[in-house]
N, C-alpha and C. Protein backbone atom coordinates (compact mmCIF):
# COMPACT_ATOMS: atom_id res chain seq x y z
N MET A 1 39.72 7.27 38.47
CA MET A 1 39.11 6.35 37.90
C MET A 1 40.68 5.06 37.75
N THR A 2 40.47 4.10 38.04
CA THR A 2 41.51 3.12 37.66
C THR A 2 41.55 2.57 36.50
N HIS A 3 42.51 2.08 36.30
CA HIS A 3 42.68 1.48 35.03
C HIS A 3 41.76 0.26 34.88
N THR A 4 41.67 -0.79 35.76
CA THR A 4 40.26 -2.11 36.09
C THR A 4 38.68 -1.38 35.47
N HIS A 5 38.60 -0.36 36.11
CA HIS A 5 37.64 0.58 35.84
C HIS A 5 37.25 1.14 34.37
N ARG A 6 38.46 1.62 33.85
CA ARG A 6 38.49 2.19 32.57
C ARG A 6 38.57 0.93 31.60
N THR A 7 39.07 -0.11 31.98
CA THR A 7 38.49 -1.01 30.94
C THR A 7 37.43 -1.79 31.06
N ALA A 8 36.43 -1.91 32.02
CA ALA A 8 34.97 -2.16 32.35
C ALA A 8 34.26 -1.29 31.85
N THR A 9 34.61 -0.34 32.07
CA THR A 9 33.69 0.90 30.95
C THR A 9 33.84 0.61 29.54
N LYS A 10 35.03 0.51 28.81
CA LYS A 10 35.32 0.36 27.51
C LYS A 10 34.40 -0.95 26.78
N ARG A 11 34.84 -1.99 28.13
CA ARG A 11 33.59 -3.47 27.78
C ARG A 11 32.56 -3.12 27.57
N TYR A 12 32.19 -2.49 29.00
CA TYR A 12 30.73 -1.89 28.82
C TYR A 12 30.13 -0.98 27.50
N ILE A 13 31.01 -0.21 26.96
CA ILE A 13 30.44 0.43 25.52
C ILE A 13 30.62 -0.40 24.61
N PHE A 14 31.18 -1.16 24.29
CA PHE A 14 31.46 -2.13 23.40
C PHE A 14 30.42 -2.94 23.20
N ILE A 15 29.70 -3.36 24.48
CA ILE A 15 28.96 -4.68 24.29
C ILE A 15 27.60 -3.61 23.77
N LEU A 16 27.62 -2.43 24.71
CA LEU A 16 26.55 -2.12 24.22
C LEU A 16 26.30 -1.40 22.78
N LEU A 17 27.30 -1.21 21.98
CA LEU A 17 27.59 -0.78 20.76
C LEU A 17 27.32 -1.95 20.16
N LEU A 18 27.72 -3.16 20.23
CA LEU A 18 27.37 -4.16 19.90
C LEU A 18 25.78 -4.81 19.71
N THR A 19 25.00 -4.61 20.99
CA THR A 19 24.16 -4.37 20.99
C THR A 19 23.14 -3.72 20.31
N SER A 20 23.33 -2.89 20.28
CA SER A 20 22.73 -1.54 19.22
C SER A 20 22.67 -1.97 17.82
N VAL A 21 23.66 -2.49 17.14
CA VAL A 21 24.07 -2.94 15.75
C VAL A 21 23.32 -4.31 15.71
N ALA A 22 23.45 -4.94 16.81
CA ALA A 22 22.47 -6.24 16.82
C ALA A 22 20.85 -6.20 16.00
N LEU A 23 20.41 -4.89 17.13
CA LEU A 23 18.72 -4.52 17.36
C LEU A 23 18.86 -3.93 16.20
N PHE A 24 19.74 -2.89 15.12
CA PHE A 24 19.24 -2.22 14.16
C PHE A 24 19.43 -3.44 12.85
N SER A 25 20.48 -4.31 13.00
CA SER A 25 20.26 -5.23 11.95
C SER A 25 18.94 -6.17 12.24
N SER A 26 18.46 -6.34 13.18
CA SER A 26 17.40 -7.27 13.24
C SER A 26 16.15 -6.74 12.60
N CYS A 27 16.16 -5.25 12.80
CA CYS A 27 14.93 -4.59 12.29
C CYS A 27 14.91 -4.40 11.01
N ARG A 28 16.29 -4.22 10.37
CA ARG A 28 16.62 -4.75 8.70
C ARG A 28 15.78 -5.54 8.07
N LYS A 29 16.03 -6.77 9.16
CA LYS A 29 15.97 -8.27 8.40
C LYS A 29 14.51 -8.50 9.18
N ASP A 30 14.01 -7.81 9.57
CA ASP A 30 12.43 -7.95 9.78
C ASP A 30 11.84 -7.33 8.64
N PHE A 31 11.88 -6.30 8.35
CA PHE A 31 11.28 -5.51 7.06
C PHE A 31 11.98 -6.40 5.40
N SER A 32 13.17 -6.61 5.58
CA SER A 32 13.56 -7.41 4.42
C SER A 32 12.49 -8.56 4.25
N VAL A 33 12.48 -9.26 5.53
CA VAL A 33 11.37 -10.74 5.10
C VAL A 33 10.40 -10.25 4.89
N TRP A 34 9.43 -9.31 5.95
CA TRP A 34 8.20 -8.41 5.15
C TRP A 34 8.32 -8.33 3.89
N ARG A 35 9.16 -7.76 3.40
CA ARG A 35 9.30 -7.22 1.81
C ARG A 35 8.87 -8.49 1.67
N ALA A 36 10.10 -9.19 1.20
CA ALA A 36 9.52 -11.06 0.74
C ALA A 36 8.57 -11.60 0.72
N HIS A 37 7.80 -11.58 2.13
CA HIS A 37 6.61 -12.24 2.07
C HIS A 37 5.67 -11.53 1.24
N ASN A 38 5.24 -10.20 1.59
CA ASN A 38 4.91 -9.35 0.75
C ASN A 38 4.70 -9.80 -0.53
N GLU A 39 6.04 -9.41 -1.14
CA GLU A 39 6.41 -9.95 -2.67
C GLU A 39 5.74 -11.38 -3.18
N ALA A 40 6.15 -12.08 -2.30
CA ALA A 40 5.60 -13.61 -2.46
C ALA A 40 3.91 -13.73 -2.39
N TRP A 41 3.39 -12.99 -1.42
CA TRP A 41 1.98 -13.15 -1.30
C TRP A 41 1.27 -12.39 -3.28
N LEU A 42 2.00 -11.57 -3.34
CA LEU A 42 1.35 -10.71 -4.74
C LEU A 42 1.60 -12.10 -5.54
N ASP A 43 2.57 -12.93 -5.58
CA ASP A 43 2.94 -13.69 -6.74
C ASP A 43 2.16 -14.45 -6.75
N LYS A 44 1.35 -15.22 -5.26
CA LYS A 44 0.47 -16.30 -5.41
C LYS A 44 -0.71 -15.68 -5.99
N ASN A 45 -1.29 -14.37 -5.44
CA ASN A 45 -2.06 -13.62 -5.67
C ASN A 45 -2.66 -13.04 -7.10
N LYS A 46 -1.18 -13.59 -8.05
CA LYS A 46 -1.12 -13.25 -9.51
C LYS A 46 -2.00 -14.26 -10.19
N THR A 47 -1.62 -15.73 -9.33
CA THR A 47 -2.26 -16.73 -9.87
C THR A 47 -3.97 -16.84 -10.06
N ILE A 48 -4.50 -16.49 -8.85
CA ILE A 48 -6.20 -16.19 -8.45
C ILE A 48 -6.49 -15.04 -9.17
N ILE A 49 -5.82 -13.87 -9.85
CA ILE A 49 -6.31 -12.60 -10.60
C ILE A 49 -6.55 -13.46 -12.07
N ASP A 50 -5.01 -14.13 -12.68
CA ASP A 50 -5.02 -14.67 -13.78
C ASP A 50 -6.40 -15.87 -14.18
N SER A 51 -6.77 -16.66 -13.41
CA SER A 51 -7.87 -17.31 -13.14
C SER A 51 -9.15 -16.72 -13.25
N LEU A 52 -9.31 -15.24 -12.65
CA LEU A 52 -10.45 -14.46 -12.70
C LEU A 52 -10.65 -14.04 -13.76
N SER A 53 -9.12 -13.68 -14.07
CA SER A 53 -9.59 -12.31 -15.54
C SER A 53 -9.89 -13.59 -16.89
N LYS A 54 -9.72 -14.52 -17.14
CA LYS A 54 -9.74 -15.76 -17.82
C LYS A 54 -11.16 -16.04 -17.91
N ALA A 55 -11.86 -16.18 -16.83
CA ALA A 55 -12.95 -17.07 -16.36
C ALA A 55 -14.04 -16.80 -17.08
N GLU A 56 -14.95 -17.71 -18.04
CA GLU A 56 -15.99 -17.50 -18.96
C GLU A 56 -17.23 -16.51 -18.37
N THR A 57 -17.29 -17.30 -17.28
CA THR A 57 -18.66 -17.03 -16.19
C THR A 57 -18.03 -16.00 -15.31
N LYS A 58 -18.27 -14.43 -15.11
CA LYS A 58 -17.65 -13.77 -14.23
C LYS A 58 -18.83 -13.30 -13.42
N THR A 59 -19.39 -14.09 -12.03
CA THR A 59 -20.71 -13.91 -11.32
C THR A 59 -20.42 -12.43 -10.57
N ASP A 60 -19.71 -12.40 -9.80
CA ASP A 60 -19.50 -11.06 -8.73
C ASP A 60 -18.70 -9.92 -9.42
N TYR A 61 -18.21 -10.07 -10.43
CA TYR A 61 -17.20 -8.83 -10.76
C TYR A 61 -17.76 -8.53 -12.05
N GLU A 62 -17.16 -7.42 -12.84
CA GLU A 62 -16.88 -7.56 -14.11
C GLU A 62 -15.70 -7.69 -14.98
N SER A 63 -14.30 -7.88 -14.19
CA SER A 63 -13.22 -7.82 -14.64
C SER A 63 -12.19 -7.83 -13.69
N ALA A 64 -11.24 -8.58 -14.35
CA ALA A 64 -10.10 -8.63 -13.16
C ALA A 64 -8.40 -8.55 -13.87
N GLY A 65 -7.83 -8.27 -13.98
CA GLY A 65 -6.39 -8.30 -14.68
C GLY A 65 -5.02 -7.64 -13.54
N ILE A 66 -4.23 -7.47 -14.08
CA ILE A 66 -2.84 -6.69 -13.67
C ILE A 66 -2.18 -5.64 -14.83
N THR A 67 -2.23 -4.31 -13.88
CA THR A 67 -1.86 -3.69 -15.25
C THR A 67 -0.27 -3.54 -15.31
N PRO A 68 0.41 -3.14 -15.89
CA PRO A 68 1.80 -3.14 -16.80
C PRO A 68 2.75 -2.89 -15.47
N SER A 69 2.11 -1.96 -14.68
CA SER A 69 3.15 -1.52 -13.27
C SER A 69 2.96 -2.59 -12.02
N GLY A 70 2.04 -3.42 -12.40
CA GLY A 70 2.25 -4.70 -11.14
C GLY A 70 0.62 -4.45 -10.73
N ILE A 71 0.14 -3.41 -10.63
CA ILE A 71 -1.28 -3.42 -9.83
C ILE A 71 -2.33 -4.43 -10.48
N GLN A 72 -2.77 -5.45 -9.11
CA GLN A 72 -3.58 -6.54 -9.28
C GLN A 72 -5.09 -5.73 -9.15
N TYR A 73 -5.95 -6.15 -9.65
CA TYR A 73 -7.35 -5.85 -9.55
C TYR A 73 -8.17 -6.43 -9.90
N VAL A 74 -9.77 -6.09 -9.29
CA VAL A 74 -11.37 -6.78 -9.23
C VAL A 74 -11.88 -5.88 -9.63
N ILE A 75 -12.63 -5.98 -10.52
CA ILE A 75 -13.42 -4.21 -10.65
C ILE A 75 -15.19 -5.24 -10.27
N ARG A 76 -15.82 -5.06 -9.66
CA ARG A 76 -17.37 -5.50 -9.41
C ARG A 76 -18.05 -4.77 -9.93
N HIS A 77 -17.91 -3.34 -10.40
CA HIS A 77 -18.70 -2.10 -10.94
C HIS A 77 -17.73 -1.22 -11.82
N ARG A 78 -17.74 -1.39 -12.94
CA ARG A 78 -16.71 -0.44 -13.70
C ARG A 78 -16.95 0.97 -13.41
N GLY A 79 -18.44 1.25 -13.06
CA GLY A 79 -19.21 2.67 -12.97
C GLY A 79 -19.22 3.32 -14.08
N TYR A 80 -19.54 4.50 -14.26
CA TYR A 80 -20.37 5.43 -15.50
C TYR A 80 -19.47 6.61 -15.67
N GLY A 81 -19.89 7.43 -16.84
CA GLY A 81 -19.53 9.16 -17.20
C GLY A 81 -18.04 8.97 -17.06
N VAL A 82 -18.02 10.06 -15.94
CA VAL A 82 -17.01 10.73 -15.69
C VAL A 82 -15.68 9.99 -15.05
N THR A 83 -14.39 9.80 -15.63
CA THR A 83 -13.04 9.16 -15.65
C THR A 83 -12.23 10.40 -15.44
N ALA A 84 -11.28 10.13 -14.51
CA ALA A 84 -10.34 11.15 -13.23
C ALA A 84 -9.31 11.33 -13.91
N LYS A 85 -8.33 12.50 -13.61
CA LYS A 85 -7.51 13.07 -14.12
C LYS A 85 -6.71 12.89 -13.11
N ARG A 86 -5.16 13.18 -13.24
CA ARG A 86 -3.81 13.75 -12.04
C ARG A 86 -4.64 14.77 -11.31
N SER A 87 -5.62 15.69 -12.09
CA SER A 87 -5.71 17.35 -11.05
C SER A 87 -6.87 16.81 -11.25
N SER A 88 -7.91 15.98 -11.03
CA SER A 88 -8.99 15.83 -10.49
C SER A 88 -8.81 15.59 -8.82
N ALA A 89 -10.21 15.96 -8.38
CA ALA A 89 -10.44 15.46 -6.94
C ALA A 89 -11.53 14.08 -7.02
N VAL A 90 -11.45 13.51 -5.70
CA VAL A 90 -12.38 12.63 -6.26
C VAL A 90 -12.98 12.61 -4.40
N THR A 91 -14.28 12.19 -4.55
CA THR A 91 -14.64 11.51 -3.12
C THR A 91 -14.83 9.95 -3.19
N VAL A 92 -14.51 9.40 -2.18
CA VAL A 92 -14.75 7.51 -2.02
C VAL A 92 -14.86 7.50 -0.95
N THR A 93 -15.49 6.06 -0.66
CA THR A 93 -15.02 5.08 0.46
C THR A 93 -14.24 4.00 0.19
N TYR A 94 -13.64 4.02 1.33
CA TYR A 94 -12.63 3.10 1.14
C TYR A 94 -12.24 2.28 2.60
N GLU A 95 -11.37 1.10 2.31
CA GLU A 95 -11.17 0.39 3.33
C GLU A 95 -9.67 -0.28 3.08
N ASN A 96 -8.30 -0.06 3.47
CA ASN A 96 -7.07 -0.48 3.08
C ASN A 96 -6.76 -1.22 4.14
N PHE A 97 -5.96 -2.78 3.38
CA PHE A 97 -5.86 -3.41 4.01
C PHE A 97 -4.20 -3.99 3.71
N LEU A 98 -3.54 -4.46 4.90
CA LEU A 98 -1.98 -5.06 4.97
C LEU A 98 -2.42 -6.69 4.68
N ILE A 99 -1.39 -7.57 4.02
CA ILE A 99 -1.74 -8.82 3.53
C ILE A 99 -1.94 -9.45 4.81
N ASP A 100 -1.78 -9.29 6.41
CA ASP A 100 -2.25 -10.26 7.20
C ASP A 100 -3.47 -9.81 7.55
N GLY A 101 -3.84 -8.97 6.86
CA GLY A 101 -5.53 -8.49 7.42
C GLY A 101 -5.65 -7.24 8.61
N THR A 102 -4.39 -6.49 8.69
CA THR A 102 -4.48 -5.54 9.60
C THR A 102 -5.04 -4.19 8.72
N ALA A 103 -6.46 -3.63 9.60
CA ALA A 103 -6.55 -2.33 8.77
C ALA A 103 -5.93 -1.66 9.10
N VAL A 104 -5.64 -0.85 7.77
CA VAL A 104 -4.67 0.51 7.91
C VAL A 104 -5.19 2.06 7.93
N GLY A 105 -6.84 2.18 7.02
CA GLY A 105 -7.48 2.88 6.80
C GLY A 105 -8.55 2.40 6.14
N HIS A 106 -9.48 3.58 6.66
CA HIS A 106 -10.80 3.53 5.94
C HIS A 106 -11.81 4.78 6.12
N ALA A 107 -12.64 4.74 5.52
CA ALA A 107 -13.21 6.31 5.53
C ALA A 107 -15.09 5.85 4.30
N GLU A 108 -15.26 7.10 5.09
CA GLU A 108 -16.39 6.91 4.46
C GLU A 108 -17.03 8.44 3.87
N LYS A 109 -16.89 8.65 2.55
CA LYS A 109 -17.33 9.92 2.13
C LYS A 109 -15.84 10.77 1.70
N PHE A 110 -14.63 10.46 1.75
CA PHE A 110 -13.24 10.86 2.11
C PHE A 110 -13.11 11.89 0.29
N SER A 111 -12.94 12.72 0.73
CA SER A 111 -12.36 13.58 -0.34
C SER A 111 -11.11 14.16 -0.43
N VAL A 112 -10.60 14.00 -1.44
CA VAL A 112 -9.09 14.32 -1.69
C VAL A 112 -8.69 14.43 -3.44
N GLU A 113 -7.52 15.16 -3.26
CA GLU A 113 -7.20 15.44 -4.64
C GLU A 113 -6.45 14.15 -5.09
N ILE A 114 -6.22 13.68 -6.39
CA ILE A 114 -5.57 12.53 -6.61
C ILE A 114 -4.21 12.68 -6.72
N LYS A 115 -3.81 14.11 -6.84
CA LYS A 115 -2.32 13.86 -6.70
C LYS A 115 -1.58 13.72 -5.15
N ASP A 116 -2.43 14.07 -4.51
CA ASP A 116 -2.18 13.70 -2.94
C ASP A 116 -1.93 12.20 -2.54
N MET A 117 -2.59 11.26 -3.20
CA MET A 117 -2.46 9.97 -2.80
C MET A 117 -1.39 9.14 -3.39
N VAL A 118 -1.36 7.97 -2.92
CA VAL A 118 0.01 7.42 -2.92
C VAL A 118 0.10 6.51 -4.82
N GLU A 119 0.70 6.34 -5.17
CA GLU A 119 0.92 6.28 -6.57
C GLU A 119 0.06 5.34 -7.44
N GLY A 120 -0.21 4.25 -6.31
CA GLY A 120 -0.88 2.80 -7.08
C GLY A 120 -2.49 3.60 -7.07
N TRP A 121 -3.09 4.15 -6.32
CA TRP A 121 -4.20 4.81 -6.28
C TRP A 121 -4.72 5.71 -7.52
N GLN A 122 -3.41 6.53 -8.19
CA GLN A 122 -3.11 7.85 -8.76
C GLN A 122 -3.74 6.49 -10.28
N GLU A 123 -2.68 5.86 -9.81
CA GLU A 123 -2.51 5.39 -11.63
C GLU A 123 -4.03 4.57 -11.81
N ILE A 124 -4.45 3.85 -10.69
CA ILE A 124 -5.78 2.83 -10.70
C ILE A 124 -7.06 4.36 -11.25
N LEU A 125 -7.22 4.98 -10.50
CA LEU A 125 -8.33 6.34 -10.75
C LEU A 125 -8.12 7.06 -11.80
N CYS A 126 -7.32 7.03 -12.56
CA CYS A 126 -7.00 7.78 -13.89
C CYS A 126 -7.08 7.16 -14.88
N SER A 127 -6.85 5.87 -14.64
CA SER A 127 -6.97 4.41 -15.72
C SER A 127 -8.37 4.52 -16.52
N ASN A 128 -8.92 3.86 -17.65
CA ASN A 128 -10.00 3.53 -18.30
C ASN A 128 -10.87 2.60 -17.83
N LEU A 129 -9.73 1.88 -16.43
CA LEU A 129 -11.01 1.17 -16.26
C LEU A 129 -11.81 1.02 -15.03
N VAL A 130 -11.97 2.33 -14.17
CA VAL A 130 -13.17 2.99 -13.34
C VAL A 130 -13.34 4.31 -13.75
N LYS A 131 -14.43 4.23 -13.17
CA LYS A 131 -15.12 5.63 -13.42
C LYS A 131 -15.85 6.12 -12.36
N GLN A 132 -16.79 7.28 -12.30
CA GLN A 132 -17.20 7.45 -11.05
C GLN A 132 -18.50 6.47 -11.01
N GLY A 133 -18.65 5.90 -9.47
CA GLY A 133 -19.62 5.09 -8.89
C GLY A 133 -18.61 4.05 -9.65
N ALA A 134 -17.63 3.46 -9.54
CA ALA A 134 -17.03 2.37 -9.87
C ALA A 134 -16.88 1.40 -8.34
N ASN A 135 -16.95 0.61 -8.26
CA ASN A 135 -16.66 -0.63 -6.95
C ASN A 135 -15.28 -1.53 -7.04
N PHE A 136 -14.69 -1.47 -6.53
CA PHE A 136 -13.33 -2.45 -6.52
C PHE A 136 -12.56 -2.60 -6.27
N THR A 137 -11.45 -3.32 -5.84
CA THR A 137 -10.53 -4.08 -4.92
C THR A 137 -9.07 -3.47 -5.74
N ILE A 138 -8.11 -3.19 -5.27
CA ILE A 138 -6.80 -3.14 -6.08
C ILE A 138 -6.03 -3.81 -4.80
N TYR A 139 -4.80 -4.43 -5.75
CA TYR A 139 -3.40 -4.81 -4.54
C TYR A 139 -2.56 -4.04 -5.21
N ILE A 140 -1.65 -3.11 -4.05
CA ILE A 140 -1.24 -1.89 -4.69
C ILE A 140 0.33 -2.96 -4.22
N PRO A 141 1.65 -3.30 -5.07
CA PRO A 141 2.46 -3.58 -4.46
C PRO A 141 3.28 -2.50 -4.22
N TRP A 142 4.13 -2.87 -3.12
CA TRP A 142 4.85 -1.66 -2.19
C TRP A 142 5.28 -0.18 -2.77
N ASN A 143 5.71 -0.42 -3.70
CA ASN A 143 6.83 0.49 -4.68
C ASN A 143 5.66 1.43 -5.19
N LEU A 144 4.50 1.08 -5.52
CA LEU A 144 3.23 2.16 -5.39
C LEU A 144 2.47 2.87 -4.73
N ALA A 145 2.58 2.36 -3.48
CA ALA A 145 2.18 2.31 -1.95
C ALA A 145 3.23 3.55 -1.35
N TYR A 146 3.24 2.95 -0.34
CA TYR A 146 4.72 3.76 0.81
C TYR A 146 5.64 3.41 0.71
N GLY A 147 6.08 2.28 -0.06
CA GLY A 147 7.65 2.27 -0.27
C GLY A 147 8.19 1.57 0.59
N LYS A 148 9.78 2.02 0.68
CA LYS A 148 10.56 1.57 1.27
C LYS A 148 10.74 2.20 2.82
N THR A 149 9.83 3.03 2.98
CA THR A 149 9.75 4.08 4.42
C THR A 149 8.51 3.79 5.22
N GLY A 150 7.67 3.07 4.36
CA GLY A 150 6.42 3.09 4.72
C GLY A 150 5.62 4.42 5.33
N ASN A 151 4.97 4.42 6.28
CA ASN A 151 3.69 5.53 6.63
C ASN A 151 3.55 5.57 7.80
N LYS A 152 4.60 6.50 8.69
CA LYS A 152 4.12 6.46 10.15
C LYS A 152 3.15 7.16 10.85
N VAL A 153 2.39 6.82 12.16
CA VAL A 153 1.77 7.03 12.66
C VAL A 153 1.82 8.55 13.33
N ALA A 154 1.37 9.76 12.82
CA ALA A 154 1.36 10.98 13.17
C ALA A 154 1.75 10.97 14.71
N SER A 155 3.31 11.61 15.26
CA SER A 155 3.68 11.77 16.43
C SER A 155 4.00 10.90 17.11
N SER A 156 4.40 9.44 16.31
CA SER A 156 4.74 7.93 17.13
C SER A 156 6.11 7.54 15.91
N ALA A 157 6.63 6.87 16.63
CA ALA A 157 7.70 6.00 15.51
C ALA A 157 7.59 4.95 15.55
N ARG A 158 5.82 4.25 15.99
CA ARG A 158 5.25 2.86 14.86
C ARG A 158 4.65 3.21 13.64
N PHE A 159 5.27 1.97 12.98
CA PHE A 159 4.92 2.38 11.70
C PHE A 159 3.17 1.54 11.19
N PHE A 160 2.51 2.73 10.95
CA PHE A 160 1.00 2.59 10.95
C PHE A 160 0.79 1.72 9.47
N VAL A 161 1.67 1.88 8.62
CA VAL A 161 2.14 1.32 6.93
C VAL A 161 3.60 0.69 7.26
N PRO A 162 3.98 -0.72 7.62
CA PRO A 162 5.65 -0.49 7.50
C PRO A 162 6.02 -0.56 6.18
N PRO A 163 7.51 -0.37 6.16
CA PRO A 163 7.61 -0.25 4.80
C PRO A 163 7.60 -1.84 4.42
N TYR A 164 7.63 -1.66 2.57
CA TYR A 164 7.81 -2.97 1.92
C TYR A 164 5.99 -3.92 2.05
N SER A 165 5.12 -2.63 2.05
CA SER A 165 3.95 -3.03 2.65
C SER A 165 2.83 -2.91 1.10
N THR A 166 2.69 -4.63 0.72
CA THR A 166 1.48 -4.57 -0.47
C THR A 166 0.35 -3.90 0.64
N LEU A 167 -0.81 -2.78 -0.34
CA LEU A 167 -1.64 -2.85 0.30
C LEU A 167 -3.26 -3.01 -0.52
N ILE A 168 -3.87 -3.88 0.15
CA ILE A 168 -5.15 -4.22 -0.08
C ILE A 168 -6.69 -3.11 -0.11
N CYS A 169 -6.59 -2.47 -1.20
CA CYS A 169 -7.94 -1.54 -0.84
C CYS A 169 -9.28 -1.66 -1.83
N HIS A 170 -10.30 -1.81 -1.00
CA HIS A 170 -11.53 -1.81 -1.32
C HIS A 170 -11.99 -0.50 -1.56
N ILE A 171 -12.65 -0.35 -2.55
CA ILE A 171 -12.67 0.97 -3.51
C ILE A 171 -14.16 1.49 -3.92
N GLU A 172 -14.94 2.33 -3.88
CA GLU A 172 -15.65 3.12 -3.92
C GLU A 172 -16.12 4.27 -4.61
N ILE A 173 -15.92 4.70 -5.87
CA ILE A 173 -15.55 6.04 -6.45
C ILE A 173 -17.18 6.87 -6.37
N LEU A 174 -17.23 7.71 -5.58
CA LEU A 174 -18.83 8.22 -5.44
C LEU A 174 -19.05 9.80 -6.35
N LYS A 175 -17.80 10.40 -6.13
CA LYS A 175 -17.53 11.51 -7.16
C LYS A 175 -15.97 11.64 -7.50
N ILE A 176 -16.42 12.26 -8.99
CA ILE A 176 -15.46 12.60 -9.46
C ILE A 176 -15.27 14.34 -9.82
N VAL A 177 -14.70 14.94 -9.40
CA VAL A 177 -14.62 16.23 -10.07
C VAL A 177 -12.91 16.85 -10.88
N ASN A 178 -13.92 17.05 -11.81
CA ASN A 178 -12.43 17.76 -12.65
C ASN A 178 -12.17 18.98 -12.35
N ILE A 179 -10.67 19.36 -12.29
CA ILE A 179 -10.31 20.50 -11.42
C ILE A 179 -10.17 21.34 -12.79
N LEU A 180 -10.16 22.23 -12.95
CA LEU A 180 -9.51 23.22 -14.07
C LEU A 180 -8.61 23.81 -13.72
N PRO A 181 -7.25 23.95 -14.17
CA PRO A 181 -5.91 24.46 -14.24
C PRO A 181 -6.34 25.94 -13.50
N LYS A 182 -5.20 26.89 -12.98
CA LYS A 182 -5.70 28.00 -12.68
C LYS A 182 -4.62 28.29 -13.90
């Protein structure tokens, strides 16, 4: 290989490395922009939740508010009877969305142990806010949902839920089963 070819090869490798760095940097920027967009959206939604919680007449819902951890909620029906514990199993119907309206999950009669859910779901389901039969919407900040890693589609590099995503979840609790410790 001549000196000219080696120099050209080194330049090519250098340009390839610079391009790779630029591409990876832009990916991080996209997620940081997405994070800022999600946090700004939650701030705007907080104003709506605050006004709903202070409304004298609540026509389509029983209560609205924000938990100390930052989960925003609108409870259409609180439910009755059984309250879940972290050791409980629940059967729910749900729909999950990103703030841009992208559907990222839904199921009818989905059964799961609470300990296997994202932190935001665990917190709300185990609170005194909802019981069996409840129907509500929660707005989960990214740090209580899938965090800074997101949730990837099985066997794919695409993100099902991108990092730093707020989750909007419409949930109905069909059944709560409190599991006895073994």
